Amino acid sequence: MGIPAELRDYWARTTRNSILIASPAEDAKIARARNCTQEGVRAGFKAACVGAVASAVPTLAAVRFIPWAKANLNYTAQALIISGASIASYFITADKTILECARRNTHYDKTA
């Protein structure tokens, strides 16, 4: 299905050559939002690294020493445990960081 070619071309022309000019305040908001996203990605990556190590050590130790884990946790299960912990820590930390930064920006907008 999709958008007809004429409508798509018209929309592409009008969005590039828009008569609206972004204000400096709007540009500052966009820059702060991008900064928040970058902060969240950095914090999430750090948390994911810590989470991967924190889950890998006990998982691999358990597979070596606990008979049940040795019998039931194959390589795929081990990888899923480790990656699940790191993915969860990434998204939780990134979300919290972005929301905290957005709260700061909201406060910043009210005082300006």
PDB file of N, CA and C in Angstrom:
ATOM      1  N   MET A   1       0.855  -1.167   0.000  1.00  0.00           N
ATOM      2  CA  MET A   1       0.000   0.000   0.000  1.00  0.00           C
ATOM      3  C   MET A   1       0.906   1.236   0.000  1.00  0.00           C
ATOM      4  N   GLY A   2       1.005   1.945   1.105  1.00  0.00           N
ATOM      5  CA  GLY A   2       1.924   3.073   1.197  1.00  0.00           C
ATOM      6  C   GLY A   2       1.307   4.370   0.726  1.00  0.00           C
ATOM      7  N   ILE A   3       2.154   5.360   0.618  1.00  0.00           N
ATOM      8  CA  ILE A   3       1.745   6.704   0.216  1.00  0.00           C
ATOM      9  C   ILE A   3       1.910   6.816  -1.295  1.00  0.00           C
ATOM     10  N   PRO A   4       0.929   7.395  -1.999  1.00  0.00           N
ATOM     11  CA  PRO A   4       1.086   7.590  -3.440  1.00  0.00           C
ATOM     12  C   PRO A   4       2.307   8.471  -3.730  1.00  0.00           C
ATOM     13  N   ALA A   5       2.936   8.253  -4.859  1.00  0.00           N
ATOM     14  CA  ALA A   5       4.191   8.933  -5.188  1.00  0.00           C
ATOM     15  C   ALA A   5       4.032  10.449  -5.222  1.00  0.00           C
ATOM     16  N   GLU A   6       2.926  10.957  -5.782  1.00  0.00           N
ATOM     17  CA  GLU A   6       2.745  12.412  -5.873  1.00  0.00           C
ATOM     18  C   GLU A   6       2.643  13.036  -4.485  1.00  0.00           C
ATOM     19  N   LEU A   7       1.888  12.379  -3.608  1.00  0.00           N
ATOM     20  CA  LEU A   7       1.723  12.893  -2.256  1.00  0.00           C
ATOM     21  C   LEU A   7       3.030  12.822  -1.482  1.00  0.00           C
ATOM     22  N   ARG A   8       3.768  11.734  -1.666  1.00  0.00           N
ATOM     23  CA  ARG A   8       5.058  11.578  -1.001  1.00  0.00           C
ATOM     24  C   ARG A   8       6.032  12.660  -1.447  1.00  0.00           C
ATOM     25  N   ASP A   9       6.090  12.926  -2.756  1.00  0.00           N
ATOM     26  CA  ASP A   9       7.003  13.946  -3.275  1.00  0.00           C
ATOM     27  C   ASP A   9       6.603  15.335  -2.786  1.00  0.00           C
ATOM     28  N   TYR A  10       5.315  15.624  -2.750  1.00  0.00           N
ATOM     29  CA  TYR A  10       4.848  16.913  -2.252  1.00  0.00           C
ATOM     30  C   TYR A  10       5.214  17.085  -0.778  1.00  0.00           C
ATOM     31  N   TRP A  11       4.998  16.049  -0.007  1.00  0.00           N
ATOM     32  CA  TRP A  11       5.322  16.120   1.428  1.00  0.00           C
ATOM     33  C   TRP A  11       6.813  16.314   1.643  1.00  0.00           C
ATOM     34  N   ALA A  12       7.641  15.636   0.859  1.00  0.00           N
ATOM     35  CA  ALA A  12       9.091  15.775   0.985  1.00  0.00           C
ATOM     36  C   ALA A  12       9.541  17.187   0.621  1.00  0.00           C
ATOM     37  N   ARG A  13       8.935  17.779  -0.406  1.00  0.00           N
ATOM     38  CA  ARG A  13       9.290  19.148  -0.805  1.00  0.00           C
ATOM     39  C   ARG A  13       8.885  20.156   0.262  1.00  0.00           C
ATOM     40  N   THR A  14       7.701  20.009   0.811  1.00  0.00           N
ATOM     41  CA  THR A  14       7.211  21.008   1.765  1.00  0.00           C
ATOM     42  C   THR A  14       7.892  20.895   3.125  1.00  0.00           C
ATOM     43  N   THR A  15       8.303  19.705   3.520  1.00  0.00           N
ATOM     44  CA  THR A  15       8.956  19.600   4.827  1.00  0.00           C
ATOM     45  C   THR A  15      10.383  20.113   4.774  1.00  0.00           C
ATOM     46  N   ARG A  16      11.048  19.982   3.647  1.00  0.00           N
ATOM     47  CA  ARG A  16      12.415  20.496   3.543  1.00  0.00           C
ATOM     48  C   ARG A  16      12.430  22.009   3.431  1.00  0.00           C
ATOM     49  N   ASN A  17      11.521  22.574   2.689  1.00  0.00           N
ATOM     50  CA  ASN A  17      11.474  24.013   2.451  1.00  0.00           C
ATOM     51  C   ASN A  17      10.330  24.635   3.236  1.00  0.00           C
ATOM     52  N   SER A  18      10.274  24.361   4.501  1.00  0.00           N
ATOM     53  CA  SER A  18       9.177  24.843   5.318  1.00  0.00           C
ATOM     54  C   SER A  18       9.291  26.343   5.537  1.00  0.00           C
ATOM     55  N   ILE A  19       8.155  27.029   5.595  1.00  0.00           N
ATOM     56  CA  ILE A  19       8.167  28.471   5.839  1.00  0.00           C
ATOM     57  C   ILE A  19       8.343  28.780   7.324  1.00  0.00           C
ATOM     58  N   LEU A  20       8.200  27.756   8.167  1.00  0.00           N
ATOM     59  CA  LEU A  20       8.377  27.970   9.595  1.00  0.00           C
ATOM     60  C   LEU A  20       9.860  27.938   9.939  1.00  0.00           C
ATOM     61  N   ILE A  21      10.262  28.890  10.759  1.00  0.00           N
ATOM     62  CA  ILE A  21      11.657  28.967  11.186  1.00  0.00           C
ATOM     63  C   ILE A  21      11.694  28.626  12.667  1.00  0.00           C
ATOM     64  N   ALA A  22      12.561  27.676  13.028  1.00  0.00           N
ATOM     65  CA  ALA A  22      12.660  27.271  14.427  1.00  0.00           C
ATOM     66  C   ALA A  22      13.277  28.399  15.243  1.00  0.00           C
ATOM     67  N   SER A  23      12.703  28.646  16.402  1.00  0.00           N
ATOM     68  CA  SER A  23      13.219  29.692  17.273  1.00  0.00           C
ATOM     69  C   SER A  23      14.446  29.183  18.018  1.00  0.00           C
ATOM     70  N   PRO A  24      15.264  30.082  18.542  1.00  0.00           N
ATOM     71  CA  PRO A  24      16.422  29.648  19.338  1.00  0.00           C
ATOM     72  C   PRO A  24      16.005  28.850  20.573  1.00  0.00           C
ATOM     73  N   ALA A  25      14.861  29.186  21.148  1.00  0.00           N
ATOM     74  CA  ALA A  25      14.379  28.433  22.311  1.00  0.00           C
ATOM     75  C   ALA A  25      14.036  27.003  21.919  1.00  0.00           C
ATOM     76  N   GLU A  26      13.435  26.851  20.742  1.00  0.00           N
ATOM     77  CA  GLU A  26      13.094  25.511  20.259  1.00  0.00           C
ATOM     78  C   GLU A  26      14.363  24.714  19.947  1.00  0.00           C
ATOM     79  N   ASP A  27      15.352  25.377  19.371  1.00  0.00           N
ATOM     80  CA  ASP A  27      16.627  24.708  19.105  1.00  0.00           C
ATOM     81  C   ASP A  27      17.298  24.279  20.403  1.00  0.00           C
ATOM     82  N   ALA A  28      17.202  25.102  21.437  1.00  0.00           N
ATOM     83  CA  ALA A  28      17.796  24.758  22.736  1.00  0.00           C
ATOM     84  C   ALA A  28      17.086  23.551  23.340  1.00  0.00           C
ATOM     85  N   LYS A  29      15.758  23.488  23.198  1.00  0.00           N
ATOM     86  CA  LYS A  29      15.003  22.339  23.699  1.00  0.00           C
ATOM     87  C   LYS A  29      15.439  21.059  22.994  1.00  0.00           C
ATOM     88  N   ILE A  30      15.610  21.140  21.688  1.00  0.00           N
ATOM     89  CA  ILE A  30      16.032  19.967  20.916  1.00  0.00           C
ATOM     90  C   ILE A  30      17.432  19.534  21.340  1.00  0.00           C
ATOM     91  N   ALA A  31      18.318  20.501  21.556  1.00  0.00           N
ATOM     92  CA  ALA A  31      19.679  20.166  21.982  1.00  0.00           C
ATOM     93  C   ALA A  31      19.675  19.518  23.361  1.00  0.00           C
ATOM     94  N   ARG A  32      18.830  20.029  24.277  1.00  0.00           N
ATOM     95  CA  ARG A  32      18.755  19.428  25.607  1.00  0.00           C
ATOM     96  C   ARG A  32      18.179  18.024  25.537  1.00  0.00           C
ATOM     97  N   ALA A  33      17.210  17.795  24.652  1.00  0.00           N
ATOM     98  CA  ALA A  33      16.635  16.457  24.504  1.00  0.00           C
ATOM     99  C   ALA A  33      17.667  15.483  23.954  1.00  0.00           C
ATOM    100  N   ARG A  34      18.463  15.909  22.988  1.00  0.00           N
ATOM    101  CA  ARG A  34      19.522  15.044  22.456  1.00  0.00           C
ATOM    102  C   ARG A  34      20.565  14.742  23.525  1.00  0.00           C
ATOM    103  N   ASN A  35      20.876  15.757  24.329  1.00  0.00           N
ATOM    104  CA  ASN A  35      21.834  15.551  25.412  1.00  0.00           C
ATOM    105  C   ASN A  35      21.303  14.536  26.417  1.00  0.00           C
ATOM    106  N   CYS A  36      20.013  14.610  26.717  1.00  0.00           N
ATOM    107  CA  CYS A  36      19.398  13.639  27.630  1.00  0.00           C
ATOM    108  C   CYS A  36      19.502  12.224  27.079  1.00  0.00           C
ATOM    109  N   THR A  37      19.247  12.081  25.797  1.00  0.00           N
ATOM    110  CA  THR A  37      19.321  10.764  25.178  1.00  0.00           C
ATOM    111  C   THR A  37      20.741  10.211  25.239  1.00  0.00           C
ATOM    112  N   GLN A  38      21.712  11.068  24.951  1.00  0.00           N
ATOM    113  CA  GLN A  38      23.103  10.620  25.002  1.00  0.00           C
ATOM    114  C   GLN A  38      23.516  10.244  26.421  1.00  0.00           C
ATOM    115  N   GLU A  39      23.065  11.034  27.406  1.00  0.00           N
ATOM    116  CA  GLU A  39      23.339  10.692  28.812  1.00  0.00           C
ATOM    117  C   GLU A  39      22.759   9.327  29.159  1.00  0.00           C
ATOM    118  N   GLY A  40      21.537   9.083  28.718  1.00  0.00           N
ATOM    119  CA  GLY A  40      20.884   7.809  28.997  1.00  0.00           C
ATOM    120  C   GLY A  40      21.610   6.630  28.368  1.00  0.00           C
ATOM    121  N   VAL A  41      22.088   6.817  27.145  1.00  0.00           N
ATOM    122  CA  VAL A  41      22.812   5.734  26.466  1.00  0.00           C
ATOM    123  C   VAL A  41      24.120   5.440  27.197  1.00  0.00           C
ATOM    124  N   ARG A  42      24.835   6.497  27.590  1.00  0.00           N
ATOM    125  CA  ARG A  42      26.098   6.282  28.309  1.00  0.00           C
ATOM    126  C   ARG A  42      25.868   5.570  29.629  1.00  0.00           C
ATOM    127  N   ALA A  43      24.902   6.053  30.403  1.00  0.00           N
ATOM    128  CA  ALA A  43      24.625   5.433  31.701  1.00  0.00           C
ATOM    129  C   ALA A  43      24.130   4.002  31.530  1.00  0.00           C
ATOM    130  N   GLY A  44      23.300   3.760  30.524  1.00  0.00           N
ATOM    131  CA  GLY A  44      22.803   2.416  30.264  1.00  0.00           C
ATOM    132  C   GLY A  44      23.904   1.460  29.863  1.00  0.00           C
ATOM    133  N   PHE A  45      24.848   1.942  29.060  1.00  0.00           N
ATOM    134  CA  PHE A  45      25.960   1.083  28.651  1.00  0.00           C
ATOM    135  C   PHE A  45      26.826   0.705  29.844  1.00  0.00           C
ATOM    136  N   LYS A  46      27.086   1.669  30.708  1.00  0.00           N
ATOM    137  CA  LYS A  46      27.871   1.368  31.906  1.00  0.00           C
ATOM    138  C   LYS A  46      27.151   0.343  32.781  1.00  0.00           C
ATOM    139  N   ALA A  47      25.854   0.535  32.955  1.00  0.00           N
ATOM    140  CA  ALA A  47      25.087  -0.403  33.774  1.00  0.00           C
ATOM    141  C   ALA A  47      25.031  -1.784  33.134  1.00  0.00           C
ATOM    142  N   ALA A  48      24.943  -1.841  31.811  1.00  0.00           N
ATOM    143  CA  ALA A  48      24.909  -3.131  31.120  1.00  0.00           C
ATOM    144  C   ALA A  48      26.227  -3.874  31.297  1.00  0.00           C
ATOM    145  N   CYS A  49      27.332  -3.154  31.252  1.00  0.00           N
ATOM    146  CA  CYS A  49      28.636  -3.795  31.466  1.00  0.00           C
ATOM    147  C   CYS A  49      28.737  -4.360  32.876  1.00  0.00           C
ATOM    148  N   VAL A  50      28.327  -3.576  33.847  1.00  0.00           N
ATOM    149  CA  VAL A  50      28.358  -4.044  35.230  1.00  0.00           C
ATOM    150  C   VAL A  50      27.406  -5.225  35.409  1.00  0.00           C
ATOM    151  N   GLY A  51      26.221  -5.129  34.817  1.00  0.00           N
ATOM    152  CA  GLY A  51      25.247  -6.218  34.914  1.00  0.00           C
ATOM    153  C   GLY A  51      25.727  -7.493  34.259  1.00  0.00           C
ATOM    154  N   ALA A  52      26.434  -7.372  33.139  1.00  0.00           N
ATOM    155  CA  ALA A  52      26.948  -8.565  32.460  1.00  0.00           C
ATOM    156  C   ALA A  52      27.986  -9.269  33.329  1.00  0.00           C
ATOM    157  N   VAL A  53      28.876  -8.505  33.922  1.00  0.00           N
ATOM    158  CA  VAL A  53      29.897  -9.112  34.781  1.00  0.00           C
ATOM    159  C   VAL A  53      29.258  -9.686  36.040  1.00  0.00           C
ATOM    160  N   ALA A  54      28.323  -8.909  36.606  1.00  0.00           N
ATOM    161  CA  ALA A  54      27.689  -9.353  37.848  1.00  0.00           C
ATOM    162  C   ALA A  54      26.844 -10.613  37.657  1.00  0.00           C
ATOM    163  N   SER A  55      26.325 -10.832  36.467  1.00  0.00           N
ATOM    164  CA  SER A  55      25.554 -12.055  36.232  1.00  0.00           C
ATOM    165  C   SER A  55      26.411 -13.176  35.652  1.00  0.00           C
ATOM    166  N   ALA A  56      27.489 -12.829  34.960  1.00  0.00           N
ATOM    167  CA  ALA A  56      28.331 -13.864  34.352  1.00  0.00           C
ATOM    168  C   ALA A  56      29.120 -14.640  35.397  1.00  0.00           C
ATOM    169  N   VAL A  57      29.641 -13.946  36.376  1.00  0.00           N
ATOM    170  CA  VAL A  57      30.472 -14.634  37.378  1.00  0.00           C
ATOM    171  C   VAL A  57      29.681 -15.705  38.126  1.00  0.00           C
ATOM    172  N   PRO A  58      28.535 -15.384  38.735  1.00  0.00           N
ATOM    173  CA  PRO A  58      27.811 -16.452  39.430  1.00  0.00           C
ATOM    174  C   PRO A  58      27.244 -17.528  38.509  1.00  0.00           C
ATOM    175  N   THR A  59      26.842 -17.149  37.297  1.00  0.00           N
ATOM    176  CA  THR A  59      26.301 -18.139  36.362  1.00  0.00           C
ATOM    177  C   THR A  59      27.374 -19.156  35.972  1.00  0.00           C
ATOM    178  N   LEU A  60      28.518 -18.658  35.600  1.00  0.00           N
ATOM    179  CA  LEU A  60      29.588 -19.566  35.189  1.00  0.00           C
ATOM    180  C   LEU A  60      30.130 -20.372  36.373  1.00  0.00           C
ATOM    181  N   ALA A  61      30.152 -19.761  37.547  1.00  0.00           N
ATOM    182  CA  ALA A  61      30.586 -20.504  38.734  1.00  0.00           C
ATOM    183  C   ALA A  61      29.576 -21.599  39.081  1.00  0.00           C
ATOM    184  N   ALA A  62      28.303 -21.290  38.946  1.00  0.00           N
ATOM    185  CA  ALA A  62      27.265 -22.275  39.252  1.00  0.00           C
ATOM    186  C   ALA A  62      27.344 -23.462  38.302  1.00  0.00           C
ATOM    187  N   VAL A  63      27.609 -23.194  37.032  1.00  0.00           N
ATOM    188  CA  VAL A  63      27.688 -24.277  36.049  1.00  0.00           C
ATOM    189  C   VAL A  63      28.882 -25.188  36.342  1.00  0.00           C
ATOM    190  N   ARG A  64      29.918 -24.646  36.935  1.00  0.00           N
ATOM    191  CA  ARG A  64      31.099 -25.460  37.258  1.00  0.00           C
ATOM    192  C   ARG A  64      30.910 -26.295  38.520  1.00  0.00           C
ATOM    193  N   PHE A  65      30.202 -25.736  39.530  1.00  0.00           N
ATOM    194  CA  PHE A  65      30.219 -26.366  40.851  1.00  0.00           C
ATOM    195  C   PHE A  65      28.895 -26.967  41.311  1.00  0.00           C
ATOM    196  N   ILE A  66      27.772 -26.493  40.811  1.00  0.00           N
ATOM    197  CA  ILE A  66      26.470 -27.002  41.260  1.00  0.00           C
ATOM    198  C   ILE A  66      26.015 -28.086  40.286  1.00  0.00           C
ATOM    199  N   PRO A  67      25.750 -29.280  40.785  1.00  0.00           N
ATOM    200  CA  PRO A  67      25.393 -30.391  39.880  1.00  0.00           C
ATOM    201  C   PRO A  67      24.128 -30.129  39.063  1.00  0.00           C
ATOM    202  N   TRP A  68      23.104 -29.537  39.661  1.00  0.00           N
ATOM    203  CA  TRP A  68      21.874 -29.270  38.908  1.00  0.00           C
ATOM    204  C   TRP A  68      22.144 -28.318  37.757  1.00  0.00           C
ATOM    205  N   ALA A  69      22.886 -27.240  38.027  1.00  0.00           N
ATOM    206  CA  ALA A  69      23.189 -26.272  36.971  1.00  0.00           C
ATOM    207  C   ALA A  69      24.055 -26.897  35.889  1.00  0.00           C
ATOM    208  N   LYS A  70      24.987 -27.756  36.289  1.00  0.00           N
ATOM    209  CA  LYS A  70      25.860 -28.418  35.330  1.00  0.00           C
ATOM    210  C   LYS A  70      25.038 -29.306  34.391  1.00  0.00           C
ATOM    211  N   ALA A  71      24.013 -29.942  34.933  1.00  0.00           N
ATOM    212  CA  ALA A  71      23.200 -30.855  34.123  1.00  0.00           C
ATOM    213  C   ALA A  71      22.165 -30.129  33.270  1.00  0.00           C
ATOM    214  N   ASN A  72      21.674 -28.977  33.727  1.00  0.00           N
ATOM    215  CA  ASN A  72      20.522 -28.357  33.074  1.00  0.00           C
ATOM    216  C   ASN A  72      20.788 -27.050  32.329  1.00  0.00           C
ATOM    217  N   LEU A  73      21.882 -26.382  32.587  1.00  0.00           N
ATOM    218  CA  LEU A  73      22.131 -25.102  31.923  1.00  0.00           C
ATOM    219  C   LEU A  73      23.183 -25.275  30.819  1.00  0.00           C
ATOM    220  N   ASN A  74      22.701 -25.369  29.589  1.00  0.00           N
ATOM    221  CA  ASN A  74      23.641 -25.473  28.470  1.00  0.00           C
ATOM    222  C   ASN A  74      24.164 -24.077  28.111  1.00  0.00           C
ATOM    223  N   TYR A  75      24.950 -23.973  27.047  1.00  0.00           N
ATOM    224  CA  TYR A  75      25.555 -22.698  26.682  1.00  0.00           C
ATOM    225  C   TYR A  75      24.514 -21.640  26.341  1.00  0.00           C
ATOM    226  N   THR A  76      23.449 -22.057  25.701  1.00  0.00           N
ATOM    227  CA  THR A  76      22.392 -21.115  25.345  1.00  0.00           C
ATOM    228  C   THR A  76      21.728 -20.545  26.586  1.00  0.00           C
ATOM    229  N   ALA A  77      21.431 -21.390  27.547  1.00  0.00           N
ATOM    230  CA  ALA A  77      20.815 -20.914  28.786  1.00  0.00           C
ATOM    231  C   ALA A  77      21.739 -19.954  29.522  1.00  0.00           C
ATOM    232  N   GLN A  78      23.011 -20.254  29.543  1.00  0.00           N
ATOM    233  CA  GLN A  78      23.969 -19.365  30.200  1.00  0.00           C
ATOM    234  C   GLN A  78      24.008 -18.007  29.507  1.00  0.00           C
ATOM    235  N   ALA A  79      24.034 -18.035  28.180  1.00  0.00           N
ATOM    236  CA  ALA A  79      24.063 -16.779  27.423  1.00  0.00           C
ATOM    237  C   ALA A  79      22.785 -15.978  27.639  1.00  0.00           C
ATOM    238  N   LEU A  80      21.635 -16.667  27.712  1.00  0.00           N
ATOM    239  CA  LEU A  80      20.375 -15.965  27.940  1.00  0.00           C
ATOM    240  C   LEU A  80      20.322 -15.335  29.323  1.00  0.00           C
ATOM    241  N   ILE A  81      20.839 -16.009  30.315  1.00  0.00           N
ATOM    242  CA  ILE A  81      20.857 -15.444  31.672  1.00  0.00           C
ATOM    243  C   ILE A  81      21.721 -14.190  31.703  1.00  0.00           C
ATOM    244  N   ILE A  82      22.902 -14.287  31.128  1.00  0.00           N
ATOM    245  CA  ILE A  82      23.828 -13.148  31.163  1.00  0.00           C
ATOM    246  C   ILE A  82      23.300 -11.985  30.321  1.00  0.00           C
ATOM    247  N   SER A  83      22.853 -12.269  29.114  1.00  0.00           N
ATOM    248  CA  SER A  83      22.371 -11.182  28.257  1.00  0.00           C
ATOM    249  C   SER A  83      21.059 -10.593  28.774  1.00  0.00           C
ATOM    250  N   GLY A  84      20.210 -11.425  29.363  1.00  0.00           N
ATOM    251  CA  GLY A  84      18.968 -10.891  29.929  1.00  0.00           C
ATOM    252  C   GLY A  84      19.229  -9.908  31.050  1.00  0.00           C
ATOM    253  N   ALA A  85      20.184 -10.228  31.893  1.00  0.00           N
ATOM    254  CA  ALA A  85      20.521  -9.313  32.987  1.00  0.00           C
ATOM    255  C   ALA A  85      21.119  -8.022  32.460  1.00  0.00           C
ATOM    256  N   SER A  86      21.980  -8.117  31.476  1.00  0.00           N
ATOM    257  CA  SER A  86      22.608  -6.896  30.963  1.00  0.00           C
ATOM    258  C   SER A  86      21.614  -6.043  30.176  1.00  0.00           C
ATOM    259  N   ILE A  87      20.738  -6.662  29.415  1.00  0.00           N
ATOM    260  CA  ILE A  87      19.734  -5.904  28.661  1.00  0.00           C
ATOM    261  C   ILE A  87      18.767  -5.205  29.610  1.00  0.00           C
ATOM    262  N   ALA A  88      18.337  -5.917  30.634  1.00  0.00           N
ATOM    263  CA  ALA A  88      17.417  -5.303  31.597  1.00  0.00           C
ATOM    264  C   ALA A  88      18.072  -4.125  32.305  1.00  0.00           C
ATOM    265  N   SER A  89      19.329  -4.291  32.716  1.00  0.00           N
ATOM    266  CA  SER A  89      19.996  -3.181  33.400  1.00  0.00           C
ATOM    267  C   SER A  89      20.211  -2.007  32.458  1.00  0.00           C
ATOM    268  N   TYR A  90      20.479  -2.257  31.184  1.00  0.00           N
ATOM    269  CA  TYR A  90      20.639  -1.167  30.221  1.00  0.00           C
ATOM    270  C   TYR A  90      19.353  -0.352  30.111  1.00  0.00           C
ATOM    271  N   PHE A  91      18.242  -1.034  29.843  1.00  0.00           N
ATOM    272  CA  PHE A  91      17.004  -0.300  29.607  1.00  0.00           C
ATOM    273  C   PHE A  91      16.483   0.383  30.858  1.00  0.00           C
ATOM    274  N   ILE A  92      16.606  -0.250  32.001  1.00  0.00           N
ATOM    275  CA  ILE A  92      16.132   0.371  33.231  1.00  0.00           C
ATOM    276  C   ILE A  92      16.946   1.617  33.536  1.00  0.00           C
ATOM    277  N   THR A  93      18.263   1.518  33.439  1.00  0.00           N
ATOM    278  CA  THR A  93      19.116   2.665  33.745  1.00  0.00           C
ATOM    279  C   THR A  93      18.947   3.780  32.717  1.00  0.00           C
ATOM    280  N   ALA A  94      18.895   3.433  31.449  1.00  0.00           N
ATOM    281  CA  ALA A  94      18.719   4.461  30.420  1.00  0.00           C
ATOM    282  C   ALA A  94      17.388   5.178  30.603  1.00  0.00           C
ATOM    283  N   ASP A  95      16.336   4.441  30.900  1.00  0.00           N
ATOM    284  CA  ASP A  95      15.026   5.043  31.100  1.00  0.00           C
ATOM    285  C   ASP A  95      15.031   5.988  32.291  1.00  0.00           C
ATOM    286  N   LYS A  96      15.597   5.545  33.401  1.00  0.00           N
ATOM    287  CA  LYS A  96      15.647   6.399  34.589  1.00  0.00           C
ATOM    288  C   LYS A  96      16.482   7.648  34.336  1.00  0.00           C
ATOM    289  N   THR A  97      17.591   7.507  33.628  1.00  0.00           N
ATOM    290  CA  THR A  97      18.446   8.661  33.354  1.00  0.00           C
ATOM    291  C   THR A  97      17.750   9.658  32.445  1.00  0.00           C
ATOM    292  N   ILE A  98      17.095   9.175  31.410  1.00  0.00           N
ATOM    293  CA  ILE A  98      16.395  10.071  30.489  1.00  0.00           C
ATOM    294  C   ILE A  98      15.252  10.784  31.201  1.00  0.00           C
ATOM    295  N   LEU A  99      14.510  10.068  32.033  1.00  0.00           N
ATOM    296  CA  LEU A  99      13.413  10.710  32.763  1.00  0.00           C
ATOM    297  C   LEU A  99      13.921  11.751  33.753  1.00  0.00           C
ATOM    298  N   GLU A 100      15.028  11.458  34.424  1.00  0.00           N
ATOM    299  CA  GLU A 100      15.608  12.425  35.350  1.00  0.00           C
ATOM    300  C   GLU A 100      16.059  13.685  34.615  1.00  0.00           C
ATOM    301  N   CYS A 101      16.678  13.497  33.478  1.00  0.00           N
ATOM    302  CA  CYS A 101      17.128  14.635  32.680  1.00  0.00           C
ATOM    303  C   CYS A 101      15.932  15.431  32.155  1.00  0.00           C
ATOM    304  N   ALA A 102      14.882  14.745  31.758  1.00  0.00           N
ATOM    305  CA  ALA A 102      13.676  15.437  31.285  1.00  0.00           C
ATOM    306  C   ALA A 102      13.046  16.251  32.409  1.00  0.00           C
ATOM    307  N   ARG A 103      13.060  15.700  33.633  1.00  0.00           N
ATOM    308  CA  ARG A 103      12.560  16.466  34.772  1.00  0.00           C
ATOM    309  C   ARG A 103      13.383  17.723  34.992  1.00  0.00           C
ATOM    310  N   ARG A 104      14.701  17.604  34.881  1.00  0.00           N
ATOM    311  CA  ARG A 104      15.569  18.781  35.039  1.00  0.00           C
ATOM    312  C   ARG A 104      15.252  19.805  33.965  1.00  0.00           C
ATOM    313  N   ASN A 105      15.036  19.358  32.711  1.00  0.00           N
ATOM    314  CA  ASN A 105      14.725  20.282  31.629  1.00  0.00           C
ATOM    315  C   ASN A 105      13.375  20.940  31.829  1.00  0.00           C
ATOM    316  N   THR A 106      12.415  20.229  32.374  1.00  0.00           N
ATOM    317  CA  THR A 106      11.111  20.816  32.649  1.00  0.00           C
ATOM    318  C   THR A 106      11.249  21.919  33.697  1.00  0.00           C
ATOM    319  N   HIS A 107      12.036  21.642  34.721  1.00  0.00           N
ATOM    320  CA  HIS A 107      12.282  22.663  35.748  1.00  0.00           C
ATOM    321  C   HIS A 107      13.012  23.844  35.134  1.00  0.00           C
ATOM    322  N   TYR A 108      13.937  23.569  34.235  1.00  0.00           N
ATOM    323  CA  TYR A 108      14.700  24.622  33.573  1.00  0.00           C
ATOM    324  C   TYR A 108      13.769  25.505  32.748  1.00  0.00           C
ATOM    325  N   ASP A 109      12.803  24.900  32.057  1.00  0.00           N
ATOM    326  CA  ASP A 109      11.871  25.662  31.234  1.00  0.00           C
ATOM    327  C   ASP A 109      10.968  26.557  32.067  1.00  0.00           C
ATOM    328  N   LYS A 110      10.578  26.104  33.265  1.00  0.00           N
ATOM    329  CA  LYS A 110       9.682  26.896  34.100  1.00  0.00           C
ATOM    330  C   LYS A 110      10.370  28.130  34.651  1.00  0.00           C
ATOM    331  N   THR A 111      11.675  28.020  34.942  1.00  0.00           N
ATOM    332  CA  THR A 111      12.368  29.172  35.511  1.00  0.00           C
ATOM    333  C   THR A 111      12.811  30.161  34.456  1.00  0.00           C
ATOM    334  N   ALA A 112      12.860  29.752  33.199  1.00  0.00           N
ATOM    335  CA  ALA A 112      13.349  30.653  32.141  1.00  0.00           C
ATOM    336  C   ALA A 112      12.297  31.649  31.717  1.00  0.00           C
TER     337      ALA A 112
END
